[in-house]
């Protein structure tokens, strides 16, 4: 099952920690709000670190099964 990485752009404060720890996955837009540039850009370890250091907890990872209620 593939993971889906999301950024709550209303919650993001633009600290840039995600772009530091997973620079090939995340980027900041012109307003310094994070977005997912490439969900497969960095290793799972780097993405997990970016998720864990986000000061506003704006980044989440969900499995595809969770997205459809666990139905396969």
N, C-alpha and C. Protein backbone atom coordinates (compact mmCIF):
# COMPACT_ATOMS: atom_id res chain seq x y z
N UNK A 1 0.83 -1.19 0.00
CA UNK A 1 0.00 0.00 0.00
C UNK A 1 0.87 1.25 0.00
N UNK A 2 0.56 2.17 -0.83
CA UNK A 2 1.34 3.39 -0.93
C UNK A 2 0.91 4.38 0.15
N UNK A 3 1.87 5.14 0.63
CA UNK A 3 1.58 6.19 1.59
C UNK A 3 1.20 7.47 0.86
N UNK A 4 0.40 8.25 1.50
CA UNK A 4 0.02 9.56 0.98
C UNK A 4 0.47 10.58 2.01
N UNK A 5 1.27 11.55 1.59
CA UNK A 5 1.78 12.59 2.47
C UNK A 5 0.99 13.86 2.21
N UNK A 6 0.50 14.47 3.27
CA UNK A 6 -0.27 15.70 3.12
C UNK A 6 0.29 16.79 4.03
N UNK A 7 0.07 18.03 3.62
CA UNK A 7 0.43 19.19 4.43
C UNK A 7 -0.85 19.99 4.66
N UNK A 8 -1.15 20.26 5.92
CA UNK A 8 -2.27 21.13 6.26
C UNK A 8 -1.78 22.57 6.07
N UNK A 9 -2.08 23.12 4.92
CA UNK A 9 -1.56 24.43 4.55
C UNK A 9 -2.16 25.56 5.39
N UNK A 10 -3.29 25.33 6.02
CA UNK A 10 -3.86 26.34 6.92
C UNK A 10 -3.12 26.38 8.24
N UNK A 11 -2.52 25.27 8.62
CA UNK A 11 -1.81 25.17 9.88
C UNK A 11 -0.32 25.51 9.74
N UNK A 12 0.26 25.27 8.57
CA UNK A 12 1.69 25.47 8.33
C UNK A 12 2.08 26.92 8.59
N UNK A 13 3.19 27.11 9.32
CA UNK A 13 3.70 28.45 9.60
C UNK A 13 4.93 28.79 8.76
N UNK A 14 5.37 27.86 7.92
CA UNK A 14 6.48 28.12 7.02
C UNK A 14 7.85 28.11 7.66
N UNK A 15 8.06 27.29 8.68
CA UNK A 15 9.37 27.23 9.33
C UNK A 15 10.45 26.66 8.41
N UNK A 16 10.05 25.82 7.45
CA UNK A 16 11.01 25.24 6.52
C UNK A 16 11.73 24.02 7.04
N UNK A 17 11.37 23.53 8.21
CA UNK A 17 12.04 22.34 8.75
C UNK A 17 11.86 21.14 7.82
N UNK A 18 10.69 21.02 7.22
CA UNK A 18 10.45 19.89 6.32
C UNK A 18 11.38 19.94 5.11
N UNK A 19 11.62 21.13 4.59
CA UNK A 19 12.50 21.26 3.43
C UNK A 19 13.96 21.01 3.80
N UNK A 20 14.30 21.21 5.06
CA UNK A 20 15.67 20.94 5.51
C UNK A 20 15.89 19.43 5.62
N UNK A 21 14.94 18.72 6.23
CA UNK A 21 15.10 17.29 6.47
C UNK A 21 14.72 16.42 5.28
N UNK A 22 13.82 16.88 4.44
CA UNK A 22 13.41 16.10 3.26
C UNK A 22 13.27 17.05 2.06
N UNK A 23 14.40 17.56 1.58
CA UNK A 23 14.37 18.61 0.54
C UNK A 23 13.86 18.16 -0.81
N UNK A 24 13.87 16.87 -1.07
CA UNK A 24 13.37 16.38 -2.35
C UNK A 24 11.89 16.02 -2.30
N UNK A 25 11.31 16.11 -1.11
CA UNK A 25 9.89 15.81 -0.92
C UNK A 25 9.07 17.08 -0.74
N UNK A 26 9.60 18.02 0.05
CA UNK A 26 8.86 19.23 0.39
C UNK A 26 9.51 20.48 -0.18
N UNK A 27 8.70 21.48 -0.42
CA UNK A 27 9.18 22.80 -0.83
C UNK A 27 8.24 23.83 -0.23
N UNK A 28 8.66 25.09 -0.26
CA UNK A 28 7.82 26.19 0.20
C UNK A 28 7.38 27.01 -0.99
N UNK A 29 6.12 27.44 -0.97
CA UNK A 29 5.62 28.27 -2.06
C UNK A 29 6.01 29.74 -1.84
N UNK A 30 5.48 30.63 -2.64
CA UNK A 30 5.83 32.05 -2.55
C UNK A 30 5.41 32.69 -1.23
N UNK A 31 4.48 32.07 -0.53
CA UNK A 31 4.03 32.57 0.77
C UNK A 31 4.73 31.85 1.92
N UNK A 32 5.74 31.04 1.59
CA UNK A 32 6.49 30.24 2.56
C UNK A 32 5.62 29.20 3.25
N UNK A 33 4.65 28.65 2.53
CA UNK A 33 3.82 27.57 3.03
C UNK A 33 4.27 26.28 2.34
N UNK A 34 4.44 25.24 3.14
CA UNK A 34 4.95 23.97 2.62
C UNK A 34 3.94 23.27 1.72
N UNK A 35 4.49 22.53 0.77
CA UNK A 35 3.68 21.64 -0.06
C UNK A 35 4.53 20.42 -0.43
N UNK A 36 3.85 19.34 -0.80
CA UNK A 36 4.54 18.11 -1.21
C UNK A 36 4.90 18.24 -2.68
N UNK A 37 6.19 18.29 -2.92
CA UNK A 37 6.71 18.42 -4.28
C UNK A 37 6.81 17.05 -4.96
N UNK A 38 7.30 16.05 -4.22
CA UNK A 38 7.46 14.69 -4.73
C UNK A 38 7.35 13.73 -3.55
N UNK A 39 6.25 13.01 -3.42
CA UNK A 39 6.08 12.13 -2.26
C UNK A 39 7.11 11.01 -2.17
N UNK A 40 7.82 10.74 -3.26
CA UNK A 40 8.85 9.70 -3.26
C UNK A 40 10.25 10.28 -3.37
N UNK A 41 10.39 11.57 -3.10
CA UNK A 41 11.66 12.26 -3.29
C UNK A 41 12.74 11.90 -2.29
N UNK A 42 12.35 11.53 -1.09
CA UNK A 42 13.32 11.20 -0.04
C UNK A 42 12.96 9.86 0.59
N UNK A 43 13.90 9.32 1.33
CA UNK A 43 13.67 8.06 2.03
C UNK A 43 12.58 8.24 3.09
N UNK A 44 11.99 7.13 3.50
CA UNK A 44 10.97 7.17 4.55
C UNK A 44 11.53 7.77 5.83
N UNK A 45 12.79 7.47 6.13
CA UNK A 45 13.41 8.01 7.34
C UNK A 45 13.46 9.53 7.31
N UNK A 46 13.81 10.10 6.16
CA UNK A 46 13.89 11.56 6.04
C UNK A 46 12.50 12.19 6.13
N UNK A 47 11.52 11.57 5.48
CA UNK A 47 10.15 12.09 5.55
C UNK A 47 9.62 11.99 6.98
N UNK A 48 9.90 10.87 7.65
CA UNK A 48 9.48 10.72 9.04
C UNK A 48 10.10 11.80 9.93
N UNK A 49 11.36 12.10 9.69
CA UNK A 49 12.03 13.15 10.46
C UNK A 49 11.35 14.49 10.21
N UNK A 50 11.03 14.79 8.95
CA UNK A 50 10.35 16.04 8.63
C UNK A 50 8.99 16.12 9.33
N UNK A 51 8.27 15.01 9.35
CA UNK A 51 6.98 14.96 10.04
C UNK A 51 7.16 15.23 11.53
N UNK A 52 8.16 14.60 12.12
CA UNK A 52 8.38 14.71 13.56
C UNK A 52 8.87 16.08 14.01
N UNK A 53 9.61 16.78 13.16
CA UNK A 53 10.15 18.08 13.58
C UNK A 53 9.25 19.25 13.21
N UNK A 54 8.17 19.01 12.49
CA UNK A 54 7.27 20.10 12.10
C UNK A 54 6.70 20.74 13.37
N UNK A 55 6.96 22.02 13.59
CA UNK A 55 6.53 22.66 14.84
C UNK A 55 5.01 22.80 14.98
N UNK A 56 4.30 22.78 13.88
CA UNK A 56 2.84 22.92 13.95
C UNK A 56 2.12 21.60 13.67
N UNK A 57 2.89 20.52 13.48
CA UNK A 57 2.32 19.20 13.18
C UNK A 57 1.40 19.26 11.97
N UNK A 58 1.86 19.95 10.94
CA UNK A 58 1.07 20.16 9.73
C UNK A 58 1.20 19.03 8.71
N UNK A 59 2.16 18.15 8.90
CA UNK A 59 2.43 17.09 7.93
C UNK A 59 1.90 15.77 8.46
N UNK A 60 1.23 15.02 7.58
CA UNK A 60 0.70 13.72 7.97
C UNK A 60 0.97 12.71 6.87
N UNK A 61 1.04 11.45 7.28
CA UNK A 61 1.20 10.35 6.33
C UNK A 61 0.08 9.36 6.60
N UNK A 62 -0.59 8.95 5.53
CA UNK A 62 -1.67 7.97 5.65
C UNK A 62 -1.47 6.91 4.58
N UNK A 63 -1.81 5.68 4.92
CA UNK A 63 -1.73 4.62 3.93
C UNK A 63 -2.96 4.68 3.03
N UNK A 64 -2.84 4.15 1.84
CA UNK A 64 -3.95 4.17 0.89
C UNK A 64 -5.16 3.43 1.47
N UNK A 65 -4.94 2.38 2.22
CA UNK A 65 -6.06 1.65 2.81
C UNK A 65 -6.82 2.53 3.81
N UNK A 66 -6.10 3.37 4.56
CA UNK A 66 -6.75 4.26 5.50
C UNK A 66 -7.57 5.31 4.78
N UNK A 67 -7.13 5.73 3.59
CA UNK A 67 -7.84 6.74 2.84
C UNK A 67 -9.20 6.27 2.35
N UNK A 68 -9.37 4.97 2.15
CA UNK A 68 -10.65 4.47 1.65
C UNK A 68 -11.38 3.62 2.70
N UNK A 69 -11.12 3.93 3.95
CA UNK A 69 -11.82 3.23 5.02
C UNK A 69 -11.32 1.81 5.27
N UNK A 70 -10.14 1.50 4.78
CA UNK A 70 -9.57 0.18 4.97
C UNK A 70 -10.03 -0.86 3.98
N UNK A 71 -10.83 -0.46 3.01
CA UNK A 71 -11.34 -1.39 1.99
C UNK A 71 -10.30 -1.56 0.91
N UNK A 72 -10.04 -2.80 0.52
CA UNK A 72 -9.06 -3.04 -0.54
C UNK A 72 -9.74 -3.40 -1.82
